Amino acid sequence: MIALLGLVVGVALGLVLEPTVPPGLQPYLPIAVVAALDAVFGAVRAYLDGRFDDKVFVISFVSNVLIAALIVFVGDQLGVGSQLSTGVIVVLGIRIFSNAAAIRRHLFHA
């Protein structure tokens, strides 16, 4: 219930305040969102498997976002930012779909 309330408050604040992302950080936002989604899907899967730990979730959420952003930043510095961005998206996308499949199997027994 607290998570749902937090989501509603976050969406409401976003709509009211209309935050903007500085141009220098815009290439990292999609990577950060996908990394955060990976952590969320992993947490849902862990919850359904009965092994969810809030500390592990927070650490994985923050570390996923920071590591993904760091990989893209290093790629930008090396001149291969778009290739590393694609790689990060592919790897995290595979993890998200894997977790989504496990969640589906758990919920629908299929």
PDB file of N, CA and C in Angstrom:
ATOM      1  N   MET A   1       0.825  -1.191   0.000  1.00  0.00           N
ATOM      2  CA  MET A   1       0.000   0.000   0.000  1.00  0.00           C
ATOM      3  C   MET A   1       0.869   1.253   0.000  1.00  0.00           C
ATOM      4  N   ILE A   2       1.979   1.208   0.732  1.00  0.00           N
ATOM      5  CA  ILE A   2       2.879   2.361   0.787  1.00  0.00           C
ATOM      6  C   ILE A   2       3.487   2.620  -0.589  1.00  0.00           C
ATOM      7  N   ALA A   3       3.843   1.537  -1.306  1.00  0.00           N
ATOM      8  CA  ALA A   3       4.429   1.699  -2.640  1.00  0.00           C
ATOM      9  C   ALA A   3       3.434   2.346  -3.592  1.00  0.00           C
ATOM     10  N   LEU A   4       2.181   1.936  -3.533  1.00  0.00           N
ATOM     11  CA  LEU A   4       1.155   2.517  -4.395  1.00  0.00           C
ATOM     12  C   LEU A   4       0.951   3.997  -4.075  1.00  0.00           C
ATOM     13  N   LEU A   5       0.928   4.322  -2.798  1.00  0.00           N
ATOM     14  CA  LEU A   5       0.794   5.714  -2.384  1.00  0.00           C
ATOM     15  C   LEU A   5       1.990   6.531  -2.879  1.00  0.00           C
ATOM     16  N   GLY A   6       3.189   5.971  -2.765  1.00  0.00           N
ATOM     17  CA  GLY A   6       4.384   6.654  -3.257  1.00  0.00           C
ATOM     18  C   GLY A   6       4.334   6.884  -4.755  1.00  0.00           C
ATOM     19  N   LEU A   7       3.830   5.902  -5.487  1.00  0.00           N
ATOM     20  CA  LEU A   7       3.690   6.046  -6.931  1.00  0.00           C
ATOM     21  C   LEU A   7       2.721   7.166  -7.277  1.00  0.00           C
ATOM     22  N   VAL A   8       1.583   7.194  -6.606  1.00  0.00           N
ATOM     23  CA  VAL A   8       0.577   8.228  -6.875  1.00  0.00           C
ATOM     24  C   VAL A   8       1.139   9.613  -6.549  1.00  0.00           C
ATOM     25  N   VAL A   9       1.808   9.742  -5.410  1.00  0.00           N
ATOM     26  CA  VAL A   9       2.388  11.034  -5.026  1.00  0.00           C
ATOM     27  C   VAL A   9       3.463  11.450  -6.027  1.00  0.00           C
ATOM     28  N   GLY A  10       4.307  10.500  -6.460  1.00  0.00           N
ATOM     29  CA  GLY A  10       5.361  10.807  -7.428  1.00  0.00           C
ATOM     30  C   GLY A  10       4.812  11.261  -8.764  1.00  0.00           C
ATOM     31  N   VAL A  11       3.787  10.589  -9.257  1.00  0.00           N
ATOM     32  CA  VAL A  11       3.177  10.978 -10.531  1.00  0.00           C
ATOM     33  C   VAL A  11       2.526  12.353 -10.396  1.00  0.00           C
ATOM     34  N   ALA A  12       1.842  12.590  -9.282  1.00  0.00           N
ATOM     35  CA  ALA A  12       1.190  13.892  -9.072  1.00  0.00           C
ATOM     36  C   ALA A  12       2.226  15.014  -9.014  1.00  0.00           C
ATOM     37  N   LEU A  13       3.313  14.788  -8.292  1.00  0.00           N
ATOM     38  CA  LEU A  13       4.364  15.810  -8.227  1.00  0.00           C
ATOM     39  C   LEU A  13       4.986  16.057  -9.596  1.00  0.00           C
ATOM     40  N   GLY A  14       5.183  14.990 -10.366  1.00  0.00           N
ATOM     41  CA  GLY A  14       5.735  15.152 -11.705  1.00  0.00           C
ATOM     42  C   GLY A  14       4.828  15.968 -12.611  1.00  0.00           C
ATOM     43  N   LEU A  15       3.527  15.739 -12.497  1.00  0.00           N
ATOM     44  CA  LEU A  15       2.582  16.490 -13.321  1.00  0.00           C
ATOM     45  C   LEU A  15       2.485  17.949 -12.893  1.00  0.00           C
ATOM     46  N   VAL A  16       2.566  18.204 -11.598  1.00  0.00           N
ATOM     47  CA  VAL A  16       2.434  19.569 -11.099  1.00  0.00           C
ATOM     48  C   VAL A  16       3.725  20.362 -11.326  1.00  0.00           C
ATOM     49  N   LEU A  17       4.868  19.777 -10.976  1.00  0.00           N
ATOM     50  CA  LEU A  17       6.138  20.502 -11.037  1.00  0.00           C
ATOM     51  C   LEU A  17       6.763  20.523 -12.431  1.00  0.00           C
ATOM     52  N   GLU A  18       6.402  19.575 -13.284  1.00  0.00           N
ATOM     53  CA  GLU A  18       6.944  19.458 -14.631  1.00  0.00           C
ATOM     54  C   GLU A  18       8.470  19.618 -14.647  1.00  0.00           C
ATOM     55  N   PRO A  19       9.182  18.682 -14.037  1.00  0.00           N
ATOM     56  CA  PRO A  19      10.646  18.816 -13.986  1.00  0.00           C
ATOM     57  C   PRO A  19      11.266  18.652 -15.373  1.00  0.00           C
ATOM     58  N   THR A  20      12.411  19.300 -15.564  1.00  0.00           N
ATOM     59  CA  THR A  20      13.141  19.171 -16.826  1.00  0.00           C
ATOM     60  C   THR A  20      14.488  18.518 -16.551  1.00  0.00           C
ATOM     61  N   VAL A  21      14.978  17.819 -17.537  1.00  0.00           N
ATOM     62  CA  VAL A  21      16.272  17.163 -17.433  1.00  0.00           C
ATOM     63  C   VAL A  21      17.289  18.035 -18.152  1.00  0.00           C
ATOM     64  N   PRO A  22      18.402  18.364 -17.489  1.00  0.00           N
ATOM     65  CA  PRO A  22      19.425  19.166 -18.165  1.00  0.00           C
ATOM     66  C   PRO A  22      19.922  18.452 -19.425  1.00  0.00           C
ATOM     67  N   PRO A  23      20.234  19.206 -20.476  1.00  0.00           N
ATOM     68  CA  PRO A  23      20.659  18.582 -21.743  1.00  0.00           C
ATOM     69  C   PRO A  23      21.852  17.633 -21.592  1.00  0.00           C
ATOM     70  N   GLY A  24      22.745  17.909 -20.687  1.00  0.00           N
ATOM     71  CA  GLY A  24      23.910  17.045 -20.496  1.00  0.00           C
ATOM     72  C   GLY A  24      23.566  15.682 -19.926  1.00  0.00           C
ATOM     73  N   LEU A  25      22.435  15.586 -19.241  1.00  0.00           N
ATOM     74  CA  LEU A  25      22.024  14.323 -18.634  1.00  0.00           C
ATOM     75  C   LEU A  25      20.983  13.569 -19.458  1.00  0.00           C
ATOM     76  N   GLN A  26      20.471  14.181 -20.519  1.00  0.00           N
ATOM     77  CA  GLN A  26      19.414  13.552 -21.309  1.00  0.00           C
ATOM     78  C   GLN A  26      19.804  12.213 -21.923  1.00  0.00           C
ATOM     79  N   PRO A  27      21.055  12.006 -22.370  1.00  0.00           N
ATOM     80  CA  PRO A  27      21.383  10.678 -22.926  1.00  0.00           C
ATOM     81  C   PRO A  27      21.343   9.560 -21.888  1.00  0.00           C
ATOM     82  N   TYR A  28      21.460   9.915 -20.611  1.00  0.00           N
ATOM     83  CA  TYR A  28      21.511   8.907 -19.554  1.00  0.00           C
ATOM     84  C   TYR A  28      20.144   8.552 -18.992  1.00  0.00           C
ATOM     85  N   LEU A  29      19.146   9.386 -19.236  1.00  0.00           N
ATOM     86  CA  LEU A  29      17.818   9.154 -18.660  1.00  0.00           C
ATOM     87  C   LEU A  29      17.174   7.860 -19.142  1.00  0.00           C
ATOM     88  N   PRO A  30      17.155   7.563 -20.445  1.00  0.00           N
ATOM     89  CA  PRO A  30      16.532   6.298 -20.856  1.00  0.00           C
ATOM     90  C   PRO A  30      17.251   5.079 -20.279  1.00  0.00           C
ATOM     91  N   ILE A  31      18.567   5.148 -20.181  1.00  0.00           N
ATOM     92  CA  ILE A  31      19.345   4.045 -19.615  1.00  0.00           C
ATOM     93  C   ILE A  31      18.996   3.882 -18.142  1.00  0.00           C
ATOM     94  N   ALA A  32      18.875   4.991 -17.426  1.00  0.00           N
ATOM     95  CA  ALA A  32      18.544   4.934 -16.002  1.00  0.00           C
ATOM     96  C   ALA A  32      17.142   4.366 -15.789  1.00  0.00           C
ATOM     97  N   VAL A  33      16.206   4.730 -16.659  1.00  0.00           N
ATOM     98  CA  VAL A  33      14.837   4.225 -16.531  1.00  0.00           C
ATOM     99  C   VAL A  33      14.795   2.722 -16.766  1.00  0.00           C
ATOM    100  N   VAL A  34      15.491   2.240 -17.791  1.00  0.00           N
ATOM    101  CA  VAL A  34      15.505   0.805 -18.072  1.00  0.00           C
ATOM    102  C   VAL A  34      16.196   0.051 -16.942  1.00  0.00           C
ATOM    103  N   ALA A  35      17.285   0.608 -16.398  1.00  0.00           N
ATOM    104  CA  ALA A  35      17.971  -0.034 -15.277  1.00  0.00           C
ATOM    105  C   ALA A  35      17.066  -0.091 -14.046  1.00  0.00           C
ATOM    106  N   ALA A  36      16.311   0.974 -13.810  1.00  0.00           N
ATOM    107  CA  ALA A  36      15.375   0.982 -12.680  1.00  0.00           C
ATOM    108  C   ALA A  36      14.259  -0.031 -12.895  1.00  0.00           C
ATOM    109  N   LEU A  37      13.755  -0.141 -14.121  1.00  0.00           N
ATOM    110  CA  LEU A  37      12.721  -1.134 -14.411  1.00  0.00           C
ATOM    111  C   LEU A  37      13.238  -2.556 -14.190  1.00  0.00           C
ATOM    112  N   ASP A  38      14.494  -2.789 -14.524  1.00  0.00           N
ATOM    113  CA  ASP A  38      15.090  -4.100 -14.283  1.00  0.00           C
ATOM    114  C   ASP A  38      15.067  -4.423 -12.789  1.00  0.00           C
ATOM    115  N   ALA A  39      15.425  -3.454 -11.963  1.00  0.00           N
ATOM    116  CA  ALA A  39      15.415  -3.677 -10.516  1.00  0.00           C
ATOM    117  C   ALA A  39      13.999  -3.915 -10.004  1.00  0.00           C
ATOM    118  N   VAL A  40      13.034  -3.183 -10.527  1.00  0.00           N
ATOM    119  CA  VAL A  40      11.644  -3.336 -10.081  1.00  0.00           C
ATOM    120  C   VAL A  40      11.100  -4.713 -10.466  1.00  0.00           C
ATOM    121  N   PHE A  41      11.339  -5.134 -11.712  1.00  0.00           N
ATOM    122  CA  PHE A  41      10.865  -6.453 -12.122  1.00  0.00           C
ATOM    123  C   PHE A  41      11.557  -7.552 -11.323  1.00  0.00           C
ATOM    124  N   GLY A  42      12.834  -7.361 -11.018  1.00  0.00           N
ATOM    125  CA  GLY A  42      13.539  -8.324 -10.178  1.00  0.00           C
ATOM    126  C   GLY A  42      12.955  -8.388  -8.777  1.00  0.00           C
ATOM    127  N   ALA A  43      12.549  -7.236  -8.264  1.00  0.00           N
ATOM    128  CA  ALA A  43      11.954  -7.203  -6.925  1.00  0.00           C
ATOM    129  C   ALA A  43      10.595  -7.889  -6.904  1.00  0.00           C
ATOM    130  N   VAL A  44       9.796  -7.663  -7.941  1.00  0.00           N
ATOM    131  CA  VAL A  44       8.490  -8.329  -8.010  1.00  0.00           C
ATOM    132  C   VAL A  44       8.675  -9.837  -8.090  1.00  0.00           C
ATOM    133  N   ARG A  45       9.631 -10.267  -8.905  1.00  0.00           N
ATOM    134  CA  ARG A  45       9.900 -11.701  -9.007  1.00  0.00           C
ATOM    135  C   ARG A  45      10.346 -12.270  -7.663  1.00  0.00           C
ATOM    136  N   ALA A  46      11.245 -11.567  -6.980  1.00  0.00           N
ATOM    137  CA  ALA A  46      11.714 -12.031  -5.676  1.00  0.00           C
ATOM    138  C   ALA A  46      10.572 -12.079  -4.669  1.00  0.00           C
ATOM    139  N   TYR A  47       9.676 -11.105  -4.716  1.00  0.00           N
ATOM    140  CA  TYR A  47       8.530 -11.085  -3.808  1.00  0.00           C
ATOM    141  C   TYR A  47       7.637 -12.296  -4.043  1.00  0.00           C
ATOM    142  N   LEU A  48       7.370 -12.588  -5.315  1.00  0.00           N
ATOM    143  CA  LEU A  48       6.510 -13.733  -5.627  1.00  0.00           C
ATOM    144  C   LEU A  48       7.180 -15.054  -5.276  1.00  0.00           C
ATOM    145  N   ASP A  49       8.510 -15.090  -5.329  1.00  0.00           N
ATOM    146  CA  ASP A  49       9.244 -16.290  -4.948  1.00  0.00           C
ATOM    147  C   ASP A  49       9.442 -16.403  -3.438  1.00  0.00           C
ATOM    148  N   GLY A  50       9.021 -15.365  -2.699  1.00  0.00           N
ATOM    149  CA  GLY A  50       9.117 -15.381  -1.243  1.00  0.00           C
ATOM    150  C   GLY A  50      10.505 -15.079  -0.712  1.00  0.00           C
ATOM    151  N   ARG A  51      11.334 -14.387  -1.497  1.00  0.00           N
ATOM    152  CA  ARG A  51      12.682 -14.077  -1.042  1.00  0.00           C
ATOM    153  C   ARG A  51      13.038 -12.600  -1.225  1.00  0.00           C
ATOM    154  N   PHE A  52      12.029 -11.737  -1.161  1.00  0.00           N
ATOM    155  CA  PHE A  52      12.251 -10.304  -1.295  1.00  0.00           C
ATOM    156  C   PHE A  52      12.908  -9.744  -0.048  1.00  0.00           C
ATOM    157  N   ASP A  53      13.899  -8.887  -0.256  1.00  0.00           N
ATOM    158  CA  ASP A  53      14.558  -8.178   0.842  1.00  0.00           C
ATOM    159  C   ASP A  53      14.658  -6.713   0.437  1.00  0.00           C
ATOM    160  N   ASP A  54      14.091  -5.834   1.253  1.00  0.00           N
ATOM    161  CA  ASP A  54      14.048  -4.425   0.883  1.00  0.00           C
ATOM    162  C   ASP A  54      15.429  -3.805   0.750  1.00  0.00           C
ATOM    163  N   LYS A  55      16.381  -4.229   1.571  1.00  0.00           N
ATOM    164  CA  LYS A  55      17.741  -3.685   1.471  1.00  0.00           C
ATOM    165  C   LYS A  55      18.382  -4.090   0.150  1.00  0.00           C
ATOM    166  N   VAL A  56      18.191  -5.326  -0.245  1.00  0.00           N
ATOM    167  CA  VAL A  56      18.730  -5.799  -1.522  1.00  0.00           C
ATOM    168  C   VAL A  56      18.089  -5.024  -2.666  1.00  0.00           C
ATOM    169  N   PHE A  57      16.794  -4.764  -2.576  1.00  0.00           N
ATOM    170  CA  PHE A  57      16.109  -4.016  -3.620  1.00  0.00           C
ATOM    171  C   PHE A  57      16.679  -2.609  -3.764  1.00  0.00           C
ATOM    172  N   VAL A  58      16.824  -1.905  -2.654  1.00  0.00           N
ATOM    173  CA  VAL A  58      17.332  -0.533  -2.715  1.00  0.00           C
ATOM    174  C   VAL A  58      18.751  -0.517  -3.280  1.00  0.00           C
ATOM    175  N   ILE A  59      19.581  -1.431  -2.817  1.00  0.00           N
ATOM    176  CA  ILE A  59      20.961  -1.479  -3.303  1.00  0.00           C
ATOM    177  C   ILE A  59      20.996  -1.828  -4.791  1.00  0.00           C
ATOM    178  N   SER A  60      20.191  -2.802  -5.212  1.00  0.00           N
ATOM    179  CA  SER A  60      20.204  -3.164  -6.634  1.00  0.00           C
ATOM    180  C   SER A  60      19.621  -2.047  -7.488  1.00  0.00           C
ATOM    181  N   PHE A  61      18.598  -1.365  -7.002  1.00  0.00           N
ATOM    182  CA  PHE A  61      18.003  -0.251  -7.743  1.00  0.00           C
ATOM    183  C   PHE A  61      19.036   0.843  -7.998  1.00  0.00           C
ATOM    184  N   VAL A  62      19.685   1.280  -6.928  1.00  0.00           N
ATOM    185  CA  VAL A  62      20.664   2.362  -7.048  1.00  0.00           C
ATOM    186  C   VAL A  62      21.879   1.909  -7.854  1.00  0.00           C
ATOM    187  N   SER A  63      22.386   0.718  -7.568  1.00  0.00           N
ATOM    188  CA  SER A  63      23.588   0.265  -8.273  1.00  0.00           C
ATOM    189  C   SER A  63      23.304   0.003  -9.750  1.00  0.00           C
ATOM    190  N   ASN A  64      22.143  -0.535 -10.095  1.00  0.00           N
ATOM    191  CA  ASN A  64      21.794  -0.737 -11.514  1.00  0.00           C
ATOM    192  C   ASN A  64      21.825   0.591 -12.262  1.00  0.00           C
ATOM    193  N   VAL A  65      21.201   1.594 -11.692  1.00  0.00           N
ATOM    194  CA  VAL A  65      21.135   2.899 -12.354  1.00  0.00           C
ATOM    195  C   VAL A  65      22.536   3.500 -12.477  1.00  0.00           C
ATOM    196  N   LEU A  66      23.310   3.464 -11.405  1.00  0.00           N
ATOM    197  CA  LEU A  66      24.647   4.064 -11.445  1.00  0.00           C
ATOM    198  C   LEU A  66      25.584   3.323 -12.389  1.00  0.00           C
ATOM    199  N   ILE A  67      25.565   2.006 -12.354  1.00  0.00           N
ATOM    200  CA  ILE A  67      26.457   1.241 -13.227  1.00  0.00           C
ATOM    201  C   ILE A  67      26.080   1.430 -14.692  1.00  0.00           C
ATOM    202  N   ALA A  68      24.798   1.398 -14.998  1.00  0.00           N
ATOM    203  CA  ALA A  68      24.370   1.603 -16.386  1.00  0.00           C
ATOM    204  C   ALA A  68      24.771   2.993 -16.869  1.00  0.00           C
ATOM    205  N   ALA A  69      24.563   4.007 -16.039  1.00  0.00           N
ATOM    206  CA  ALA A  69      24.952   5.365 -16.423  1.00  0.00           C
ATOM    207  C   ALA A  69      26.468   5.479 -16.570  1.00  0.00           C
ATOM    208  N   LEU A  70      27.214   4.819 -15.704  1.00  0.00           N
ATOM    209  CA  LEU A  70      28.678   4.855 -15.789  1.00  0.00           C
ATOM    210  C   LEU A  70      29.168   4.197 -17.075  1.00  0.00           C
ATOM    211  N   ILE A  71      28.568   3.081 -17.449  1.00  0.00           N
ATOM    212  CA  ILE A  71      28.955   2.405 -18.696  1.00  0.00           C
ATOM    213  C   ILE A  71      28.708   3.325 -19.887  1.00  0.00           C
ATOM    214  N   VAL A  72      27.577   3.991 -19.920  1.00  0.00           N
ATOM    215  CA  VAL A  72      27.272   4.899 -21.027  1.00  0.00           C
ATOM    216  C   VAL A  72      28.208   6.105 -20.995  1.00  0.00           C
ATOM    217  N   PHE A  73      28.507   6.608 -19.816  1.00  0.00           N
ATOM    218  CA  PHE A  73      29.429   7.740 -19.704  1.00  0.00           C
ATOM    219  C   PHE A  73      30.813   7.375 -20.230  1.00  0.00           C
ATOM    220  N   VAL A  74      31.309   6.212 -19.826  1.00  0.00           N
ATOM    221  CA  VAL A  74      32.618   5.765 -20.311  1.00  0.00           C
ATOM    222  C   VAL A  74      32.573   5.591 -21.832  1.00  0.00           C
ATOM    223  N   GLY A  75      31.477   5.043 -22.338  1.00  0.00           N
ATOM    224  CA  GLY A  75      31.320   4.909 -23.782  1.00  0.00           C
ATOM    225  C   GLY A  75      31.341   6.254 -24.483  1.00  0.00           C
ATOM    226  N   ASP A  76      30.699   7.258 -23.894  1.00  0.00           N
ATOM    227  CA  ASP A  76      30.728   8.605 -24.471  1.00  0.00           C
ATOM    228  C   ASP A  76      32.150   9.151 -24.498  1.00  0.00           C
ATOM    229  N   GLN A  77      32.891   8.915 -23.433  1.00  0.00           N
ATOM    230  CA  GLN A  77      34.270   9.394 -23.370  1.00  0.00           C
ATOM    231  C   GLN A  77      35.154   8.702 -24.394  1.00  0.00           C
ATOM    232  N   LEU A  78      34.856   7.448 -24.690  1.00  0.00           N
ATOM    233  CA  LEU A  78      35.635   6.693 -25.672  1.00  0.00           C
ATOM    234  C   LEU A  78      35.130   6.899 -27.102  1.00  0.00           C
ATOM    235  N   GLY A  79      33.995   7.557 -27.244  1.00  0.00           N
ATOM    236  CA  GLY A  79      33.440   7.798 -28.565  1.00  0.00           C
ATOM    237  C   GLY A  79      32.551   6.678 -29.079  1.00  0.00           C
ATOM    238  N   VAL A  80      32.173   5.763 -28.218  1.00  0.00           N
ATOM    239  CA  VAL A  80      31.306   4.647 -28.611  1.00  0.00           C
ATOM    240  C   VAL A  80      30.075   4.589 -27.719  1.00  0.00           C
ATOM    241  N   GLY A  81      29.584   5.755 -27.326  1.00  0.00           N
ATOM    242  CA  GLY A  81      28.461   5.822 -26.395  1.00  0.00           C
ATOM    243  C   GLY A  81      27.201   5.158 -26.900  1.00  0.00           C
ATOM    244  N   SER A  82      26.898   5.332 -28.190  1.00  0.00           N
ATOM    245  CA  SER A  82      25.655   4.746 -28.707  1.00  0.00           C
ATOM    246  C   SER A  82      25.732   3.223 -28.733  1.00  0.00           C
ATOM    247  N   GLN A  83      26.913   2.671 -29.029  1.00  0.00           N
ATOM    248  CA  GLN A  83      27.051   1.215 -29.047  1.00  0.00           C
ATOM    249  C   GLN A  83      26.919   0.640 -27.641  1.00  0.00           C
ATOM    250  N   LEU A  84      27.543   1.298 -26.669  1.00  0.00           N
ATOM    251  CA  LEU A  84      27.416   0.806 -25.294  1.00  0.00           C
ATOM    252  C   LEU A  84      26.011   1.015 -24.759  1.00  0.00           C
ATOM    253  N   SER A  85      25.357   2.093 -25.162  1.00  0.00           N
ATOM    254  CA  SER A  85      23.962   2.301 -24.755  1.00  0.00           C
ATOM    255  C   SER A  85      23.086   1.180 -25.275  1.00  0.00           C
ATOM    256  N   THR A  86      23.301   0.807 -26.527  1.00  0.00           N
ATOM    257  CA  THR A  86      22.533  -0.288 -27.111  1.00  0.00           C
ATOM    258  C   THR A  86      22.810  -1.588 -26.366  1.00  0.00           C
ATOM    259  N   GLY A  87      24.064  -1.827 -26.033  1.00  0.00           N
ATOM    260  CA  GLY A  87      24.419  -3.036 -25.294  1.00  0.00           C
ATOM    261  C   GLY A  87      23.761  -3.097 -23.929  1.00  0.00           C
ATOM    262  N   VAL A  88      23.769  -1.971 -23.226  1.00  0.00           N
ATOM    263  CA  VAL A  88      23.143  -1.925 -21.902  1.00  0.00           C
ATOM    264  C   VAL A  88      21.639  -2.166 -22.024  1.00  0.00           C
ATOM    265  N   ILE A  89      21.006  -1.543 -23.007  1.00  0.00           N
ATOM    266  CA  ILE A  89      19.563  -1.722 -23.201  1.00  0.00           C
ATOM    267  C   ILE A  89      19.238  -3.176 -23.521  1.00  0.00           C
ATOM    268  N   VAL A  90      20.060  -3.807 -24.367  1.00  0.00           N
ATOM    269  CA  VAL A  90      19.814  -5.207 -24.734  1.00  0.00           C
ATOM    270  C   VAL A  90      19.941  -6.108 -23.511  1.00  0.00           C
ATOM    271  N   VAL A  91      21.009  -5.947 -22.751  1.00  0.00           N
ATOM    272  CA  VAL A  91      21.222  -6.802 -21.574  1.00  0.00           C
ATOM    273  C   VAL A  91      20.110  -6.602 -20.547  1.00  0.00           C
ATOM    274  N   LEU A  92      19.786  -5.357 -20.246  1.00  0.00           N
ATOM    275  CA  LEU A  92      18.728  -5.102 -19.264  1.00  0.00           C
ATOM    276  C   LEU A  92      17.369  -5.533 -19.798  1.00  0.00           C
ATOM    277  N   GLY A  93      17.153  -5.370 -21.097  1.00  0.00           N
ATOM    278  CA  GLY A  93      15.899  -5.828 -21.690  1.00  0.00           C
ATOM    279  C   GLY A  93      15.728  -7.331 -21.568  1.00  0.00           C
ATOM    280  N   ILE A  94      16.808  -8.070 -21.792  1.00  0.00           N
ATOM    281  CA  ILE A  94      16.751  -9.524 -21.625  1.00  0.00           C
ATOM    282  C   ILE A  94      16.404  -9.882 -20.184  1.00  0.00           C
ATOM    283  N   ARG A  95      17.024  -9.180 -19.239  1.00  0.00           N
ATOM    284  CA  ARG A  95      16.729  -9.449 -17.823  1.00  0.00           C
ATOM    285  C   ARG A  95      15.281  -9.105 -17.478  1.00  0.00           C
ATOM    286  N   ILE A  96      14.786  -8.002 -18.020  1.00  0.00           N
ATOM    287  CA  ILE A  96      13.400  -7.602 -17.746  1.00  0.00           C
ATOM    288  C   ILE A  96      12.438  -8.644 -18.291  1.00  0.00           C
ATOM    289  N   PHE A  97      12.647  -9.096 -19.529  1.00  0.00           N
ATOM    290  CA  PHE A  97      11.759 -10.093 -20.103  1.00  0.00           C
ATOM    291  C   PHE A  97      11.878 -11.437 -19.386  1.00  0.00           C
ATOM    292  N   SER A  98      13.059 -11.771 -18.918  1.00  0.00           N
ATOM    293  CA  SER A  98      13.233 -13.008 -18.148  1.00  0.00           C
ATOM    294  C   SER A  98      12.452 -12.941 -16.840  1.00  0.00           C
ATOM    295  N   ASN A  99      12.561 -11.804 -16.156  1.00  0.00           N
ATOM    296  CA  ASN A  99      11.803 -11.636 -14.913  1.00  0.00           C
ATOM    297  C   ASN A  99      10.304 -11.588 -15.185  1.00  0.00           C
ATOM    298  N   ALA A 100       9.905 -10.935 -16.274  1.00  0.00           N
ATOM    299  CA  ALA A 100       8.479 -10.876 -16.616  1.00  0.00           C
ATOM    300  C   ALA A 100       7.938 -12.273 -16.904  1.00  0.00           C
ATOM    301  N   ALA A 101       8.740 -13.105 -17.574  1.00  0.00           N
ATOM    302  CA  ALA A 101       8.305 -14.479 -17.845  1.00  0.00           C
ATOM    303  C   ALA A 101       8.156 -15.267 -16.548  1.00  0.00           C
ATOM    304  N   ALA A 102       9.084 -15.085 -15.622  1.00  0.00           N
ATOM    305  CA  ALA A 102       8.990 -15.784 -14.339  1.00  0.00           C
ATOM    306  C   ALA A 102       7.771 -15.309 -13.546  1.00  0.00           C
ATOM    307  N   ILE A 103       7.482 -14.015 -13.615  1.00  0.00           N
ATOM    308  CA  ILE A 103       6.300 -13.477 -12.931  1.00  0.00           C
ATOM    309  C   ILE A 103       5.033 -14.058 -13.557  1.00  0.00           C
ATOM    310  N   ARG A 104       4.989 -14.097 -14.881  1.00  0.00           N
ATOM    311  CA  ARG A 104       3.832 -14.678 -15.575  1.00  0.00           C
ATOM    312  C   ARG A 104       3.637 -16.135 -15.206  1.00  0.00           C
ATOM    313  N   ARG A 105       4.735 -16.909 -15.186  1.00  0.00           N
ATOM    314  CA  ARG A 105       4.628 -18.318 -14.809  1.00  0.00           C
ATOM    315  C   ARG A 105       4.122 -18.474 -13.384  1.00  0.00           C
ATOM    316  N   HIS A 106       4.568 -17.611 -12.499  1.00  0.00           N
ATOM    317  CA  HIS A 106       4.153 -17.683 -11.097  1.00  0.00           C
ATOM    318  C   HIS A 106       2.672 -17.320 -10.942  1.00  0.00           C
ATOM    319  N   LEU A 107       2.237 -16.281 -11.638  1.00  0.00           N
ATOM    320  CA  LEU A 107       0.862 -15.816 -11.479  1.00  0.00           C
ATOM    321  C   LEU A 107      -0.146 -16.705 -12.198  1.00  0.00           C
ATOM    322  N   PHE A 108       0.199 -17.149 -13.391  1.00  0.00           N
ATOM    323  CA  PHE A 108      -0.756 -17.900 -14.210  1.00  0.00           C
ATOM    324  C   PHE A 108      -0.461 -19.383 -14.316  1.00  0.00           C
ATOM    325  N   HIS A 109       0.609 -19.798 -13.670  1.00  0.00           N
ATOM    326  CA  HIS A 109       1.030 -21.209 -13.695  1.00  0.00           C
ATOM    327  C   HIS A 109       1.137 -21.716 -15.126  1.00  0.00           C
ATOM    328  N   ALA A 110       1.650 -20.840 -15.988  1.00  0.00           N
ATOM    329  CA  ALA A 110       1.803 -21.227 -17.406  1.00  0.00           C
ATOM    330  C   ALA A 110       3.165 -20.802 -17.927  1.00  0.00           C
TER     331      ALA A 110
END
